[in-house]
């Protein structure tokens, strides 16, 4: 059986190390990029619903944690006026759930 000569890379070892580091960094970033956005999973009252008596708050549940400091929620009445208290905050101990107080209906 004839033995084949070993193949040598024409890429310098420093460039190879750099390419491996870039590939490793990209591989580690992929799971983070896939989870970069939270999506609405549930709302109470439901999105687009009409209520005759205002609940004390609107509860929004998301697929990922939400930082309310970087989020905005506006609730409007049938005439287009704002009916929330502008007090968006996370539910105690649950960053996937946010609450915003609602004004009484007039």
C-alpha atoms as a PDB file:
ATOM      1  CA  UNK A   1       0.000   0.000   0.000  1.00  0.00           C
ATOM      2  CA  UNK A   2       1.394   3.361  -1.056  1.00  0.00           C
ATOM      3  CA  UNK A   3       1.495   6.150   1.469  1.00  0.00           C
ATOM      4  CA  UNK A   4       0.311   9.592   0.339  1.00  0.00           C
ATOM      5  CA  UNK A   5       2.418  12.627   1.220  1.00  0.00           C
ATOM      6  CA  UNK A   6       1.040  14.862   3.970  1.00  0.00           C
ATOM      7  CA  UNK A   7      -0.754  17.934   2.670  1.00  0.00           C
ATOM      8  CA  UNK A   8       0.443  21.268   3.924  1.00  0.00           C
ATOM      9  CA  UNK A   9      -1.831  24.247   4.267  1.00  0.00           C
ATOM     10  CA  UNK A  10      -0.917  27.358   2.330  1.00  0.00           C
ATOM     11  CA  UNK A  11      -2.744  29.497   4.915  1.00  0.00           C
ATOM     12  CA  UNK A  12      -0.381  30.962   7.552  1.00  0.00           C
ATOM     13  CA  UNK A  13      -1.043  29.663  11.081  1.00  0.00           C
ATOM     14  CA  UNK A  14      -1.885  33.156  12.431  1.00  0.00           C
ATOM     15  CA  UNK A  15      -4.610  33.586   9.798  1.00  0.00           C
ATOM     16  CA  UNK A  16      -5.920  30.098  10.602  1.00  0.00           C
ATOM     17  CA  UNK A  17      -6.168  30.950  14.300  1.00  0.00           C
ATOM     18  CA  UNK A  18      -7.949  34.212  13.494  1.00  0.00           C
ATOM     19  CA  UNK A  19     -10.428  32.415  11.209  1.00  0.00           C
ATOM     20  CA  UNK A  20     -11.102  29.814  13.931  1.00  0.00           C
ATOM     21  CA  UNK A  21     -11.696  32.574  16.491  1.00  0.00           C
ATOM     22  CA  UNK A  22     -14.128  34.331  14.138  1.00  0.00           C
ATOM     23  CA  UNK A  23     -15.983  31.063  13.500  1.00  0.00           C
ATOM     24  CA  UNK A  24     -16.135  30.291  17.226  1.00  0.00           C
ATOM     25  CA  UNK A  25     -17.458  33.782  18.012  1.00  0.00           C
ATOM     26  CA  UNK A  26     -20.081  33.487  15.267  1.00  0.00           C
ATOM     27  CA  UNK A  27     -21.166  30.083  16.565  1.00  0.00           C
ATOM     28  CA  UNK A  28     -21.572  31.466  20.101  1.00  0.00           C
ATOM     29  CA  UNK A  29     -23.546  34.480  18.830  1.00  0.00           C
ATOM     30  CA  UNK A  30     -26.096  32.443  16.875  1.00  0.00           C
ATOM     31  CA  UNK A  31     -28.190  31.356  19.878  1.00  0.00           C
ATOM     32  CA  UNK A  32     -28.240  34.954  21.153  1.00  0.00           C
ATOM     33  CA  UNK A  33     -29.372  36.335  17.822  1.00  0.00           C
ATOM     34  CA  UNK A  34     -32.207  33.834  17.614  1.00  0.00           C
ATOM     35  CA  UNK A  35     -33.597  35.092  20.920  1.00  0.00           C
ATOM     36  CA  UNK A  36     -33.115  38.815  20.403  1.00  0.00           C
ATOM     37  CA  UNK A  37     -36.803  39.772  20.325  1.00  0.00           C
ATOM     38  CA  UNK A  38     -39.697  39.132  22.658  1.00  0.00           C
ATOM     39  CA  UNK A  39     -43.037  38.364  21.048  1.00  0.00           C
ATOM     40  CA  UNK A  40     -46.438  38.902  22.607  1.00  0.00           C
ATOM     41  CA  UNK A  41     -47.781  35.562  23.846  1.00  0.00           C
ATOM     42  CA  UNK A  42     -50.938  36.695  25.649  1.00  0.00           C
ATOM     43  CA  UNK A  43     -52.771  39.875  26.640  1.00  0.00           C
ATOM     44  CA  UNK A  44     -55.517  40.440  29.190  1.00  0.00           C
ATOM     45  CA  UNK A  45     -57.842  41.987  28.061  1.00  0.00           C
ATOM     46  CA  UNK A  46     -57.169  40.488  24.637  1.00  0.00           C
ATOM     47  CA  UNK A  47     -55.621  42.541  21.820  1.00  0.00           C
ATOM     48  CA  UNK A  48     -58.330  44.330  19.832  1.00  0.00           C
ATOM     49  CA  UNK A  49     -61.055  43.560  22.357  1.00  0.00           C
ATOM     50  CA  UNK A  50     -63.702  45.979  23.599  1.00  0.00           C
ATOM     51  CA  UNK A  51     -64.525  46.196  27.302  1.00  0.00           C
ATOM     52  CA  UNK A  52     -67.502  47.920  28.921  1.00  0.00           C
ATOM     53  CA  UNK A  53     -65.841  48.234  32.334  1.00  0.00           C
ATOM     54  CA  UNK A  54     -62.162  49.117  32.461  1.00  0.00           C
ATOM     55  CA  UNK A  55     -59.980  46.620  34.311  1.00  0.00           C
ATOM     56  CA  UNK A  56     -57.459  48.170  36.695  1.00  0.00           C
ATOM     57  CA  UNK A  57     -54.572  47.221  34.395  1.00  0.00           C
ATOM     58  CA  UNK A  58     -53.555  45.675  31.097  1.00  0.00           C
ATOM     59  CA  UNK A  59     -51.354  42.578  31.422  1.00  0.00           C
ATOM     60  CA  UNK A  60     -49.041  41.596  28.569  1.00  0.00           C
ATOM     61  CA  UNK A  61     -47.119  38.295  28.600  1.00  0.00           C
ATOM     62  CA  UNK A  62     -44.122  37.855  26.291  1.00  0.00           C
ATOM     63  CA  UNK A  63     -41.994  34.947  25.070  1.00  0.00           C
ATOM     64  CA  UNK A  64     -38.821  36.555  26.486  1.00  0.00           C
ATOM     65  CA  UNK A  65     -38.010  38.921  29.314  1.00  0.00           C
ATOM     66  CA  UNK A  66     -38.801  42.588  28.633  1.00  0.00           C
ATOM     67  CA  UNK A  67     -36.963  45.633  29.953  1.00  0.00           C
ATOM     68  CA  UNK A  68     -39.684  48.200  30.521  1.00  0.00           C
ATOM     69  CA  UNK A  69     -37.139  51.042  30.546  1.00  0.00           C
ATOM     70  CA  UNK A  70     -36.746  50.445  26.794  1.00  0.00           C
ATOM     71  CA  UNK A  71     -40.401  49.619  26.025  1.00  0.00           C
ATOM     72  CA  UNK A  72     -43.515  51.640  25.268  1.00  0.00           C
ATOM     73  CA  UNK A  73     -47.171  50.652  25.554  1.00  0.00           C
ATOM     74  CA  UNK A  74     -50.039  53.012  24.736  1.00  0.00           C
ATOM     75  CA  UNK A  75     -53.672  52.026  25.322  1.00  0.00           C
ATOM     76  CA  UNK A  76     -56.275  54.094  23.490  1.00  0.00           C
ATOM     77  CA  UNK A  77     -60.018  54.377  23.925  1.00  0.00           C
ATOM     78  CA  UNK A  78     -62.639  54.176  21.163  1.00  0.00           C
ATOM     79  CA  UNK A  79     -62.274  57.921  20.466  1.00  0.00           C
ATOM     80  CA  UNK A  80     -58.477  57.604  20.129  1.00  0.00           C
ATOM     81  CA  UNK A  81     -57.663  59.182  23.504  1.00  0.00           C
ATOM     82  CA  UNK A  82     -55.003  57.661  25.727  1.00  0.00           C
ATOM     83  CA  UNK A  83     -56.591  55.626  28.566  1.00  0.00           C
ATOM     84  CA  UNK A  84     -53.515  54.193  30.301  1.00  0.00           C
ATOM     85  CA  UNK A  85     -51.713  55.629  33.335  1.00  0.00           C
ATOM     86  CA  UNK A  86     -48.286  55.604  31.616  1.00  0.00           C
ATOM     87  CA  UNK A  87     -46.889  53.425  34.422  1.00  0.00           C
ATOM     88  CA  UNK A  88     -45.500  50.435  32.498  1.00  0.00           C
ATOM     89  CA  UNK A  89     -43.660  48.016  34.810  1.00  0.00           C
ATOM     90  CA  UNK A  90     -42.715  44.357  35.086  1.00  0.00           C
ATOM     91  CA  UNK A  91     -44.834  42.053  37.197  1.00  0.00           C
ATOM     92  CA  UNK A  92     -43.051  41.302  40.492  1.00  0.00           C
ATOM     93  CA  UNK A  93     -40.482  38.572  39.886  1.00  0.00           C
ATOM     94  CA  UNK A  94     -41.464  38.050  36.229  1.00  0.00           C
ATOM     95  CA  UNK A  95     -39.693  39.979  33.455  1.00  0.00           C
ATOM     96  CA  UNK A  96     -41.796  38.189  30.813  1.00  0.00           C
ATOM     97  CA  UNK A  97     -44.941  39.917  32.077  1.00  0.00           C
ATOM     98  CA  UNK A  98     -45.585  43.668  32.006  1.00  0.00           C
ATOM     99  CA  UNK A  99     -48.459  45.661  33.470  1.00  0.00           C
ATOM    100  CA  UNK A 100     -49.815  49.112  32.726  1.00  0.00           C
ATOM    101  CA  UNK A 101     -52.537  50.788  34.774  1.00  0.00           C
ATOM    102  CA  UNK A 102     -55.748  51.871  33.054  1.00  0.00           C
ATOM    103  CA  UNK A 103     -57.928  54.909  33.719  1.00  0.00           C
ATOM    104  CA  UNK A 104     -61.618  54.388  34.539  1.00  0.00           C
ATOM    105  CA  UNK A 105     -63.957  54.583  31.545  1.00  0.00           C
ATOM    106  CA  UNK A 106     -66.004  57.766  31.289  1.00  0.00           C
END
